[in-house]
C-alpha cells in the first residue's frame, strides 16, 4: 500500500493530496485515543504518501486550492449513495486534519494564513448548511487549527488555557464554550 519511489517523487502535490485522500485506510485516524494521534500513527506512519506530502514546499498553496473546492463539490453530493456521502465527508475531515498540522501552520505566509482561515470559516458555514452530510466530528479539525492559532498568537482566557492545551495535545472533543471562544478570536483576526 505504498507509492513507488519514482511515483512518490514525480507526482504533483495536488495529485499527492488526492492520492492521500483516496488511501484505503483513512479510517485509521479514528482507531486511537485522539484524532491527532490517529493522524500520526494511522496515516503518517502507515503511508509514505502522507510523509511525502508533509515535506512538500508547495503544500500550503495546494491545500488552499483543494480546500476551496468544497463549495463546489458539496453541491454534487445529493445524488450519491449514503456510503459515498460518508466517504466524501470523511475525506473532508482528513483534509482538514492535514491543514491543522504544525508543518502546514508554520509554513504559511501571511496571505496564505489569511486565505486559509477565511476558507475555514466559510467551510464551517457550509458544514452547518449540510447537517445531513457533516456531523459534530467535523468541527474537530477546524477547532484544532483555530486553537493552535489562538494559543500561538494571543493571550488566552485563563479559564480556557488548560482546556485548549489539552485539546491541542489530544483533539477528540471540543466543548461549546471553547469553540465559541476560538471562533470569536479567529473571526476577529481575519474578518
N, C-alpha and C. Protein backbone atom coordinates (compact mmCIF):
# COMPACT_ATOMS: atom_id res chain seq x y z
N UNK A 1 0.81 -1.20 0.00
CA UNK A 1 0.00 0.00 0.00
C UNK A 1 0.86 1.27 0.00
N UNK A 2 2.06 1.19 -0.54
CA UNK A 2 2.94 2.34 -0.60
C UNK A 2 3.09 2.79 -2.06
N UNK A 3 3.38 4.07 -2.23
CA UNK A 3 3.67 4.57 -3.57
C UNK A 3 5.10 4.21 -3.93
N UNK A 4 5.34 3.75 -5.16
CA UNK A 4 6.73 3.50 -5.57
C UNK A 4 7.52 4.81 -5.56
N UNK A 5 8.81 4.74 -5.30
CA UNK A 5 9.64 5.94 -5.18
C UNK A 5 9.58 6.84 -6.41
N UNK A 6 9.55 6.26 -7.61
CA UNK A 6 9.51 7.10 -8.81
C UNK A 6 8.19 7.87 -8.89
N UNK A 7 7.10 7.28 -8.45
CA UNK A 7 5.82 7.98 -8.42
C UNK A 7 5.83 9.02 -7.30
N UNK A 8 6.34 8.63 -6.16
CA UNK A 8 6.36 9.49 -4.99
C UNK A 8 7.10 10.80 -5.26
N UNK A 9 8.19 10.74 -5.97
CA UNK A 9 8.97 11.95 -6.23
C UNK A 9 8.49 12.74 -7.43
N UNK A 10 7.68 12.13 -8.29
CA UNK A 10 7.25 12.82 -9.51
C UNK A 10 5.80 13.28 -9.49
N UNK A 11 5.01 12.80 -8.58
CA UNK A 11 3.60 13.19 -8.54
C UNK A 11 3.48 14.64 -8.08
N UNK A 12 2.57 15.37 -8.67
CA UNK A 12 2.34 16.76 -8.24
C UNK A 12 1.80 16.77 -6.82
N UNK A 13 1.93 17.88 -6.15
CA UNK A 13 1.39 17.99 -4.80
C UNK A 13 -0.12 17.86 -4.81
N UNK A 14 -0.78 18.44 -5.79
CA UNK A 14 -2.24 18.29 -5.91
C UNK A 14 -2.60 16.82 -6.11
N UNK A 15 -1.87 16.13 -6.94
CA UNK A 15 -2.10 14.70 -7.16
C UNK A 15 -1.82 13.88 -5.91
N UNK A 16 -0.82 14.30 -5.15
CA UNK A 16 -0.48 13.60 -3.92
C UNK A 16 -1.58 13.79 -2.86
N UNK A 17 -2.13 14.99 -2.79
CA UNK A 17 -3.25 15.22 -1.87
C UNK A 17 -4.40 14.29 -2.22
N UNK A 18 -4.76 14.22 -3.51
CA UNK A 18 -5.84 13.34 -3.95
C UNK A 18 -5.53 11.88 -3.63
N UNK A 19 -4.29 11.48 -3.86
CA UNK A 19 -3.89 10.10 -3.57
C UNK A 19 -4.02 9.81 -2.08
N UNK A 20 -3.57 10.73 -1.25
CA UNK A 20 -3.68 10.54 0.20
C UNK A 20 -5.14 10.47 0.63
N UNK A 21 -5.99 11.28 0.04
CA UNK A 21 -7.41 11.27 0.39
C UNK A 21 -8.14 10.03 -0.12
N UNK A 22 -7.50 9.29 -1.01
CA UNK A 22 -8.05 8.03 -1.50
C UNK A 22 -7.41 6.82 -0.82
N UNK A 23 -6.49 7.05 0.11
CA UNK A 23 -5.83 5.97 0.83
C UNK A 23 -6.89 5.06 1.46
N UNK A 24 -6.84 3.76 1.18
CA UNK A 24 -7.92 2.87 1.63
C UNK A 24 -8.06 2.76 3.15
N UNK A 25 -7.05 3.15 3.89
CA UNK A 25 -7.11 3.02 5.34
C UNK A 25 -7.25 4.37 6.04
N UNK A 26 -7.97 5.29 5.42
CA UNK A 26 -8.20 6.60 6.05
C UNK A 26 -8.87 6.46 7.42
N UNK A 27 -9.66 5.43 7.59
CA UNK A 27 -10.35 5.24 8.86
C UNK A 27 -9.39 4.97 10.02
N UNK A 28 -8.12 4.70 9.72
CA UNK A 28 -7.14 4.51 10.79
C UNK A 28 -7.07 5.70 11.73
N UNK A 29 -7.46 6.85 11.26
CA UNK A 29 -7.38 8.06 12.07
C UNK A 29 -8.28 8.00 13.30
N UNK A 30 -9.31 7.17 13.26
CA UNK A 30 -10.23 7.11 14.39
C UNK A 30 -9.96 5.93 15.32
N UNK A 31 -8.93 5.16 15.07
CA UNK A 31 -8.66 3.96 15.86
C UNK A 31 -7.66 4.19 16.98
N UNK A 32 -7.50 5.40 17.43
CA UNK A 32 -6.62 5.71 18.55
C UNK A 32 -7.38 6.59 19.53
N UNK A 33 -6.69 7.03 20.57
CA UNK A 33 -7.35 7.79 21.63
C UNK A 33 -7.73 9.21 21.23
N UNK A 34 -7.12 9.74 20.17
CA UNK A 34 -7.49 11.06 19.67
C UNK A 34 -7.12 11.16 18.20
N UNK A 35 -7.66 12.17 17.54
CA UNK A 35 -7.50 12.28 16.09
C UNK A 35 -6.10 12.68 15.66
N UNK A 36 -5.39 13.43 16.48
CA UNK A 36 -4.01 13.78 16.13
C UNK A 36 -3.14 12.53 16.16
N UNK A 37 -3.27 11.76 17.20
CA UNK A 37 -2.53 10.50 17.29
C UNK A 37 -2.93 9.58 16.14
N UNK A 38 -4.21 9.57 15.82
CA UNK A 38 -4.68 8.77 14.70
C UNK A 38 -4.06 9.21 13.39
N UNK A 39 -3.93 10.52 13.22
CA UNK A 39 -3.29 11.04 12.01
C UNK A 39 -1.83 10.60 11.96
N UNK A 40 -1.14 10.78 13.07
CA UNK A 40 0.29 10.46 13.11
C UNK A 40 0.55 8.97 12.99
N UNK A 41 -0.16 8.16 13.77
CA UNK A 41 0.11 6.72 13.80
C UNK A 41 -0.63 5.96 12.70
N UNK A 42 -1.85 6.39 12.40
CA UNK A 42 -2.66 5.65 11.45
C UNK A 42 -2.46 6.03 10.00
N UNK A 43 -2.02 7.26 9.77
CA UNK A 43 -1.84 7.71 8.38
C UNK A 43 -0.38 8.06 8.08
N UNK A 44 0.18 8.98 8.82
CA UNK A 44 1.55 9.44 8.56
C UNK A 44 2.56 8.30 8.67
N UNK A 45 2.44 7.49 9.71
CA UNK A 45 3.38 6.38 9.91
C UNK A 45 3.08 5.19 8.99
N UNK A 46 1.89 5.14 8.44
CA UNK A 46 1.45 3.98 7.66
C UNK A 46 1.68 4.14 6.16
N UNK A 47 1.51 5.35 5.65
CA UNK A 47 1.52 5.56 4.20
C UNK A 47 2.57 6.59 3.81
N UNK A 48 3.49 6.20 2.93
CA UNK A 48 4.57 7.10 2.52
C UNK A 48 4.06 8.33 1.77
N UNK A 49 2.85 8.26 1.23
CA UNK A 49 2.27 9.43 0.56
C UNK A 49 2.04 10.58 1.54
N UNK A 50 1.57 10.27 2.73
CA UNK A 50 1.37 11.32 3.74
C UNK A 50 2.71 11.91 4.18
N UNK A 51 3.71 11.07 4.36
CA UNK A 51 5.02 11.58 4.77
C UNK A 51 5.61 12.48 3.68
N UNK A 52 5.48 12.08 2.43
CA UNK A 52 5.96 12.90 1.32
C UNK A 52 5.19 14.22 1.26
N UNK A 53 3.89 14.14 1.44
CA UNK A 53 3.05 15.34 1.38
C UNK A 53 3.48 16.38 2.40
N UNK A 54 3.76 15.95 3.61
CA UNK A 54 4.12 16.88 4.69
C UNK A 54 5.45 17.58 4.42
N UNK A 55 6.26 17.04 3.50
CA UNK A 55 7.54 17.66 3.18
C UNK A 55 7.53 18.53 1.93
N UNK A 56 6.42 18.63 1.25
CA UNK A 56 6.34 19.40 0.01
C UNK A 56 6.40 20.90 0.29
N UNK A 57 7.20 21.62 -0.49
CA UNK A 57 7.35 23.06 -0.29
C UNK A 57 6.12 23.84 -0.76
N UNK A 58 5.36 23.28 -1.68
CA UNK A 58 4.16 23.96 -2.17
C UNK A 58 2.88 23.42 -1.53
N UNK A 59 3.02 22.77 -0.38
CA UNK A 59 1.89 22.13 0.28
C UNK A 59 0.79 23.12 0.63
N UNK A 60 1.14 24.24 1.21
CA UNK A 60 0.11 25.20 1.66
C UNK A 60 -0.72 25.68 0.48
N UNK A 61 -0.08 26.06 -0.60
CA UNK A 61 -0.83 26.53 -1.78
C UNK A 61 -1.74 25.43 -2.33
N UNK A 62 -1.24 24.21 -2.40
CA UNK A 62 -2.04 23.10 -2.91
C UNK A 62 -3.23 22.80 -1.98
N UNK A 63 -3.02 22.91 -0.69
CA UNK A 63 -4.11 22.68 0.27
C UNK A 63 -5.19 23.76 0.14
N UNK A 64 -4.76 25.00 -0.05
CA UNK A 64 -5.73 26.09 -0.21
C UNK A 64 -6.60 25.84 -1.44
N UNK A 65 -5.99 25.43 -2.53
CA UNK A 65 -6.75 25.15 -3.76
C UNK A 65 -7.73 24.01 -3.51
N UNK A 66 -7.26 22.92 -2.90
CA UNK A 66 -8.13 21.77 -2.65
C UNK A 66 -9.24 22.14 -1.67
N UNK A 67 -8.91 22.86 -0.63
CA UNK A 67 -9.89 23.25 0.38
C UNK A 67 -10.98 24.14 -0.21
N UNK A 68 -10.60 24.96 -1.17
CA UNK A 68 -11.54 25.86 -1.82
C UNK A 68 -12.57 25.10 -2.67
N UNK A 69 -12.23 23.88 -3.09
CA UNK A 69 -13.13 23.10 -3.95
C UNK A 69 -14.38 22.61 -3.23
N UNK A 70 -14.39 22.59 -1.91
CA UNK A 70 -15.53 22.04 -1.18
C UNK A 70 -16.83 22.73 -1.56
N UNK A 71 -16.79 24.03 -1.75
CA UNK A 71 -18.05 24.73 -2.04
C UNK A 71 -18.70 24.21 -3.32
N UNK A 72 -17.89 23.73 -4.25
CA UNK A 72 -18.43 23.19 -5.49
C UNK A 72 -18.76 21.70 -5.35
N UNK A 73 -17.91 20.97 -4.65
CA UNK A 73 -18.10 19.52 -4.50
C UNK A 73 -19.35 19.18 -3.72
N UNK A 74 -19.65 19.95 -2.67
CA UNK A 74 -20.76 19.61 -1.80
C UNK A 74 -22.10 19.70 -2.54
N UNK A 75 -22.18 20.50 -3.57
CA UNK A 75 -23.41 20.63 -4.33
C UNK A 75 -23.73 19.38 -5.14
N UNK A 76 -22.72 18.54 -5.39
CA UNK A 76 -22.90 17.34 -6.20
C UNK A 76 -23.11 16.09 -5.36
N UNK A 77 -23.21 16.23 -4.06
CA UNK A 77 -23.30 15.08 -3.17
C UNK A 77 -24.69 14.47 -3.15
N UNK A 78 -25.71 15.25 -3.44
CA UNK A 78 -27.09 14.81 -3.32
C UNK A 78 -27.41 13.50 -4.01
N UNK A 79 -26.84 13.22 -5.15
CA UNK A 79 -27.16 12.01 -5.89
C UNK A 79 -26.34 10.79 -5.50
N UNK A 80 -25.49 10.93 -4.50
CA UNK A 80 -24.61 9.83 -4.11
C UNK A 80 -25.30 8.89 -3.12
N UNK A 81 -24.76 7.69 -3.00
CA UNK A 81 -25.26 6.74 -2.01
C UNK A 81 -24.82 7.20 -0.61
N UNK A 82 -25.43 6.64 0.42
CA UNK A 82 -25.05 7.01 1.79
C UNK A 82 -23.58 6.71 2.06
N UNK A 83 -23.07 5.61 1.54
CA UNK A 83 -21.66 5.27 1.71
C UNK A 83 -20.77 6.32 1.04
N UNK A 84 -21.13 6.71 -0.17
CA UNK A 84 -20.35 7.72 -0.89
C UNK A 84 -20.41 9.08 -0.18
N UNK A 85 -21.55 9.42 0.36
CA UNK A 85 -21.67 10.68 1.11
C UNK A 85 -20.79 10.62 2.35
N UNK A 86 -20.83 9.49 3.03
CA UNK A 86 -19.98 9.32 4.22
C UNK A 86 -18.51 9.43 3.88
N UNK A 87 -18.09 8.83 2.80
CA UNK A 87 -16.67 8.91 2.40
C UNK A 87 -16.30 10.33 1.98
N UNK A 88 -17.20 11.03 1.32
CA UNK A 88 -16.95 12.43 0.97
C UNK A 88 -16.70 13.25 2.23
N UNK A 89 -17.59 13.10 3.20
CA UNK A 89 -17.47 13.86 4.45
C UNK A 89 -16.19 13.46 5.21
N UNK A 90 -15.89 12.19 5.20
CA UNK A 90 -14.71 11.72 5.91
C UNK A 90 -13.42 12.21 5.24
N UNK A 91 -13.38 12.20 3.92
CA UNK A 91 -12.21 12.74 3.20
C UNK A 91 -12.01 14.21 3.55
N UNK A 92 -13.12 14.93 3.68
CA UNK A 92 -13.01 16.34 4.04
C UNK A 92 -12.45 16.49 5.45
N UNK A 93 -12.86 15.62 6.36
CA UNK A 93 -12.33 15.61 7.72
C UNK A 93 -10.81 15.41 7.69
N UNK A 94 -10.36 14.44 6.91
CA UNK A 94 -8.92 14.16 6.82
C UNK A 94 -8.18 15.34 6.18
N UNK A 95 -8.76 15.94 5.15
CA UNK A 95 -8.15 17.13 4.54
C UNK A 95 -7.96 18.23 5.59
N UNK A 96 -8.97 18.45 6.41
CA UNK A 96 -8.85 19.48 7.43
C UNK A 96 -7.85 19.09 8.52
N UNK A 97 -7.69 17.81 8.79
CA UNK A 97 -6.66 17.38 9.74
C UNK A 97 -5.27 17.64 9.15
N UNK A 98 -5.12 17.45 7.85
CA UNK A 98 -3.84 17.78 7.21
C UNK A 98 -3.56 19.27 7.38
N UNK A 99 -4.56 20.09 7.11
CA UNK A 99 -4.41 21.54 7.22
C UNK A 99 -4.03 21.96 8.64
N UNK A 100 -4.53 21.24 9.64
CA UNK A 100 -4.28 21.60 11.04
C UNK A 100 -2.93 21.11 11.57
N UNK A 101 -2.11 20.51 10.72
CA UNK A 101 -0.81 20.03 11.17
C UNK A 101 0.18 21.17 11.34
N UNK A 102 1.05 21.04 12.34
CA UNK A 102 2.03 22.08 12.65
C UNK A 102 2.89 22.46 11.45
N UNK A 103 3.30 21.47 10.65
CA UNK A 103 4.15 21.76 9.50
C UNK A 103 3.44 22.69 8.51
N UNK A 104 2.14 22.56 8.39
CA UNK A 104 1.38 23.44 7.50
C UNK A 104 1.28 24.83 8.11
N UNK A 105 0.90 24.89 9.36
CA UNK A 105 0.72 26.18 10.05
C UNK A 105 2.02 26.97 10.09
N UNK A 106 3.12 26.31 10.35
CA UNK A 106 4.42 27.00 10.46
C UNK A 106 4.94 27.49 9.11
N UNK A 107 4.47 26.89 8.03
CA UNK A 107 4.98 27.26 6.70
C UNK A 107 4.07 28.20 5.93
N UNK A 108 3.04 28.72 6.58
CA UNK A 108 2.15 29.66 5.91
C UNK A 108 2.73 31.07 5.97
N UNK A 109 2.67 31.77 4.85
CA UNK A 109 2.97 33.18 4.91
C UNK A 109 1.69 33.91 5.33
N UNK A 110 1.78 35.21 5.49
CA UNK A 110 0.64 35.98 6.00
C UNK A 110 -0.59 35.88 5.09
N UNK A 111 -0.39 35.96 3.80
CA UNK A 111 -1.51 35.88 2.86
C UNK A 111 -2.14 34.49 2.85
N UNK A 112 -1.30 33.45 2.86
CA UNK A 112 -1.81 32.09 2.90
C UNK A 112 -2.60 31.86 4.19
N UNK A 113 -2.08 32.35 5.29
CA UNK A 113 -2.77 32.21 6.57
C UNK A 113 -4.14 32.88 6.53
N UNK A 114 -4.18 34.09 6.03
CA UNK A 114 -5.45 34.80 5.93
C UNK A 114 -6.43 34.03 5.06
N UNK A 115 -5.97 33.56 3.91
CA UNK A 115 -6.83 32.81 3.00
C UNK A 115 -7.32 31.51 3.64
N UNK A 116 -6.43 30.79 4.28
CA UNK A 116 -6.80 29.52 4.88
C UNK A 116 -7.81 29.69 6.01
N UNK A 117 -7.62 30.70 6.83
CA UNK A 117 -8.57 30.91 7.93
C UNK A 117 -9.91 31.44 7.43
N UNK A 118 -9.90 32.24 6.38
CA UNK A 118 -11.18 32.65 5.79
C UNK A 118 -11.91 31.45 5.19
N UNK A 119 -11.16 30.58 4.52
CA UNK A 119 -11.77 29.37 3.97
C UNK A 119 -12.31 28.47 5.08
N UNK A 120 -11.56 28.35 6.16
CA UNK A 120 -12.01 27.51 7.29
C UNK A 120 -13.33 28.05 7.84
N UNK A 121 -13.43 29.36 7.95
CA UNK A 121 -14.66 29.96 8.45
C UNK A 121 -15.82 29.71 7.47
N UNK A 122 -15.56 29.88 6.19
CA UNK A 122 -16.59 29.60 5.18
C UNK A 122 -16.99 28.13 5.19
N UNK A 123 -16.03 27.23 5.36
CA UNK A 123 -16.32 25.80 5.38
C UNK A 123 -17.18 25.43 6.58
N UNK A 124 -16.98 26.12 7.70
CA UNK A 124 -17.84 25.86 8.86
C UNK A 124 -19.29 26.21 8.52
N UNK A 125 -19.49 27.29 7.79
CA UNK A 125 -20.85 27.67 7.38
C UNK A 125 -21.44 26.63 6.43
N UNK A 126 -20.61 26.13 5.51
CA UNK A 126 -21.08 25.08 4.60
C UNK A 126 -21.46 23.84 5.40
N UNK A 127 -20.63 23.46 6.36
CA UNK A 127 -20.92 22.27 7.17
C UNK A 127 -22.22 22.44 7.96
N UNK A 128 -22.47 23.64 8.46
CA UNK A 128 -23.72 23.91 9.18
C UNK A 128 -24.92 23.80 8.23
N UNK A 129 -24.72 24.20 6.98
CA UNK A 129 -25.81 24.17 6.00
C UNK A 129 -26.13 22.77 5.50
N UNK A 130 -25.25 21.82 5.73
CA UNK A 130 -25.44 20.45 5.26
C UNK A 130 -25.31 19.46 6.42
N UNK A 131 -26.22 19.54 7.41
CA UNK A 131 -26.11 18.63 8.55
C UNK A 131 -26.36 17.16 8.19
N UNK A 132 -26.95 16.92 7.02
CA UNK A 132 -27.14 15.55 6.58
C UNK A 132 -25.85 14.94 6.02
N UNK A 133 -24.83 15.78 5.80
CA UNK A 133 -23.54 15.31 5.30
C UNK A 133 -22.48 15.38 6.39
N UNK A 134 -22.43 16.49 7.10
CA UNK A 134 -21.39 16.72 8.09
C UNK A 134 -21.96 16.59 9.50
N UNK A 135 -21.22 15.91 10.36
CA UNK A 135 -21.67 15.70 11.74
C UNK A 135 -20.80 16.52 12.70
N UNK A 136 -21.02 16.31 13.98
CA UNK A 136 -20.27 17.03 15.01
C UNK A 136 -18.77 16.80 14.96
N UNK A 137 -18.35 15.65 14.46
CA UNK A 137 -16.92 15.35 14.36
C UNK A 137 -16.20 16.36 13.46
N UNK A 138 -16.90 16.94 12.52
CA UNK A 138 -16.27 17.83 11.54
C UNK A 138 -15.85 19.17 12.11
N UNK A 139 -16.20 19.46 13.34
CA UNK A 139 -15.74 20.68 13.98
C UNK A 139 -14.32 20.50 14.53
N UNK A 140 -13.91 19.27 14.80
CA UNK A 140 -12.64 18.99 15.48
C UNK A 140 -11.43 19.53 14.73
N UNK A 141 -11.23 19.22 13.43
CA UNK A 141 -10.02 19.73 12.78
C UNK A 141 -10.01 21.26 12.68
N UNK A 142 -11.17 21.86 12.48
CA UNK A 142 -11.24 23.32 12.42
C UNK A 142 -10.91 23.90 13.79
N UNK A 143 -11.46 23.31 14.83
CA UNK A 143 -11.17 23.78 16.19
C UNK A 143 -9.69 23.60 16.51
N UNK A 144 -9.08 22.52 16.03
CA UNK A 144 -7.65 22.31 16.25
C UNK A 144 -6.83 23.39 15.55
N UNK A 145 -7.16 23.68 14.32
CA UNK A 145 -6.49 24.76 13.59
C UNK A 145 -6.64 26.08 14.33
N UNK A 146 -7.86 26.40 14.73
CA UNK A 146 -8.13 27.64 15.45
C UNK A 146 -7.39 27.68 16.78
N UNK A 147 -7.39 26.58 17.52
CA UNK A 147 -6.74 26.54 18.84
C UNK A 147 -5.24 26.78 18.70
N UNK A 148 -4.63 26.18 17.71
CA UNK A 148 -3.19 26.40 17.50
C UNK A 148 -2.90 27.86 17.19
N UNK A 149 -3.73 28.47 16.38
CA UNK A 149 -3.56 29.88 16.04
C UNK A 149 -3.74 30.77 17.27
N UNK A 150 -4.81 30.56 17.98
CA UNK A 150 -5.12 31.40 19.14
C UNK A 150 -4.07 31.22 20.22
N UNK A 151 -3.67 30.00 20.50
CA UNK A 151 -2.68 29.75 21.55
C UNK A 151 -1.31 30.31 21.18
N UNK A 152 -0.99 30.35 19.90
CA UNK A 152 0.31 30.89 19.46
C UNK A 152 0.34 32.40 19.43
N UNK A 153 -0.79 33.04 19.13
CA UNK A 153 -0.78 34.46 18.82
C UNK A 153 -1.40 35.37 19.87
N UNK A 154 -2.18 34.84 20.77
CA UNK A 154 -2.96 35.70 21.66
C UNK A 154 -2.82 35.26 23.11
N UNK A 155 -2.97 36.21 24.03
CA UNK A 155 -3.16 35.78 25.42
C UNK A 155 -4.53 35.09 25.50
N UNK A 156 -4.58 33.95 26.14
CA UNK A 156 -5.79 33.15 26.19
C UNK A 156 -6.47 33.32 27.54
N UNK A 157 -7.79 33.32 27.50
CA UNK A 157 -8.55 33.41 28.75
C UNK A 157 -8.05 32.36 29.73
N UNK A 158 -7.81 32.77 30.94
CA UNK A 158 -7.24 31.88 31.96
C UNK A 158 -8.10 30.64 32.19
N UNK A 159 -9.41 30.79 32.15
CA UNK A 159 -10.29 29.65 32.41
C UNK A 159 -10.32 28.64 31.26
N UNK A 160 -9.76 29.01 30.10
CA UNK A 160 -9.76 28.10 28.95
C UNK A 160 -8.37 27.59 28.58
N UNK A 161 -7.33 28.17 29.15
CA UNK A 161 -5.96 27.82 28.75
C UNK A 161 -5.68 26.32 28.89
N UNK A 162 -5.95 25.75 30.04
CA UNK A 162 -5.68 24.32 30.25
C UNK A 162 -6.52 23.46 29.32
N UNK A 163 -7.78 23.82 29.15
CA UNK A 163 -8.67 23.07 28.27
C UNK A 163 -8.15 23.07 26.84
N UNK A 164 -7.72 24.25 26.36
CA UNK A 164 -7.22 24.35 24.99
C UNK A 164 -5.87 23.65 24.83
N UNK A 165 -5.01 23.74 25.84
CA UNK A 165 -3.74 22.99 25.81
C UNK A 165 -4.00 21.50 25.67
N UNK A 166 -4.92 21.00 26.47
CA UNK A 166 -5.26 19.57 26.42
C UNK A 166 -5.89 19.19 25.09
N UNK A 167 -6.72 20.06 24.56
CA UNK A 167 -7.35 19.80 23.27
C UNK A 167 -6.30 19.71 22.16
N UNK A 168 -5.33 20.62 22.15
CA UNK A 168 -4.28 20.58 21.13
C UNK A 168 -3.47 19.29 21.24
N UNK A 169 -3.18 18.86 22.45
CA UNK A 169 -2.40 17.64 22.65
C UNK A 169 -3.17 16.39 22.25
N UNK A 170 -4.47 16.40 22.49
CA UNK A 170 -5.28 15.21 22.22
C UNK A 170 -6.67 15.60 21.73
N UNK A 171 -6.76 16.07 20.48
CA UNK A 171 -8.07 16.53 19.98
C UNK A 171 -9.04 15.37 19.75
N UNK A 172 -10.08 15.37 20.53
CA UNK A 172 -11.12 14.38 20.38
C UNK A 172 -12.49 15.02 20.54
N UNK A 173 -12.56 16.04 21.37
CA UNK A 173 -13.81 16.70 21.68
C UNK A 173 -13.51 18.16 22.02
N UNK A 174 -14.33 19.07 21.52
CA UNK A 174 -14.20 20.48 21.91
C UNK A 174 -15.54 20.91 22.49
N UNK A 175 -15.49 21.48 23.68
CA UNK A 175 -16.73 21.91 24.32
C UNK A 175 -17.23 23.20 23.68
N UNK A 176 -18.49 23.49 23.87
CA UNK A 176 -19.15 24.63 23.24
C UNK A 176 -18.50 25.97 23.64
N UNK A 177 -18.15 26.12 24.91
CA UNK A 177 -17.53 27.38 25.38
C UNK A 177 -16.20 27.62 24.68
N UNK A 178 -15.38 26.58 24.60
CA UNK A 178 -14.08 26.71 23.93
C UNK A 178 -14.26 27.00 22.45
N UNK A 179 -15.20 26.28 21.80
CA UNK A 179 -15.43 26.51 20.37
C UNK A 179 -15.87 27.95 20.11
N UNK A 180 -16.80 28.44 20.90
CA UNK A 180 -17.28 29.81 20.70
C UNK A 180 -16.15 30.81 20.90
N UNK A 181 -15.31 30.59 21.88
CA UNK A 181 -14.17 31.47 22.13
C UNK A 181 -13.20 31.43 20.95
N UNK A 182 -12.84 30.24 20.50
CA UNK A 182 -11.91 30.11 19.37
C UNK A 182 -12.47 30.75 18.12
N UNK A 183 -13.72 30.50 17.84
CA UNK A 183 -14.37 31.06 16.67
C UNK A 183 -14.36 32.59 16.71
N UNK A 184 -14.67 33.14 17.86
CA UNK A 184 -14.67 34.60 18.02
C UNK A 184 -13.27 35.18 17.82
N UNK A 185 -12.27 34.54 18.42
CA UNK A 185 -10.89 35.03 18.29
C UNK A 185 -10.42 35.01 16.86
N UNK A 186 -10.67 33.92 16.16
CA UNK A 186 -10.22 33.80 14.77
C UNK A 186 -10.98 34.77 13.88
N UNK A 187 -12.28 34.87 14.08
CA UNK A 187 -13.06 35.80 13.27
C UNK A 187 -12.65 37.24 13.49
N UNK A 188 -12.27 37.59 14.71
CA UNK A 188 -11.77 38.95 14.98
C UNK A 188 -10.46 39.21 14.25
N UNK A 189 -9.64 38.18 14.09
CA UNK A 189 -8.34 38.35 13.42
C UNK A 189 -8.45 38.42 11.91
N UNK A 190 -9.43 37.75 11.32
CA UNK A 190 -9.42 37.58 9.87
C UNK A 190 -10.61 38.16 9.14
N UNK A 191 -11.51 38.86 9.82
CA UNK A 191 -12.63 39.44 9.09
C UNK A 191 -12.56 40.93 9.10
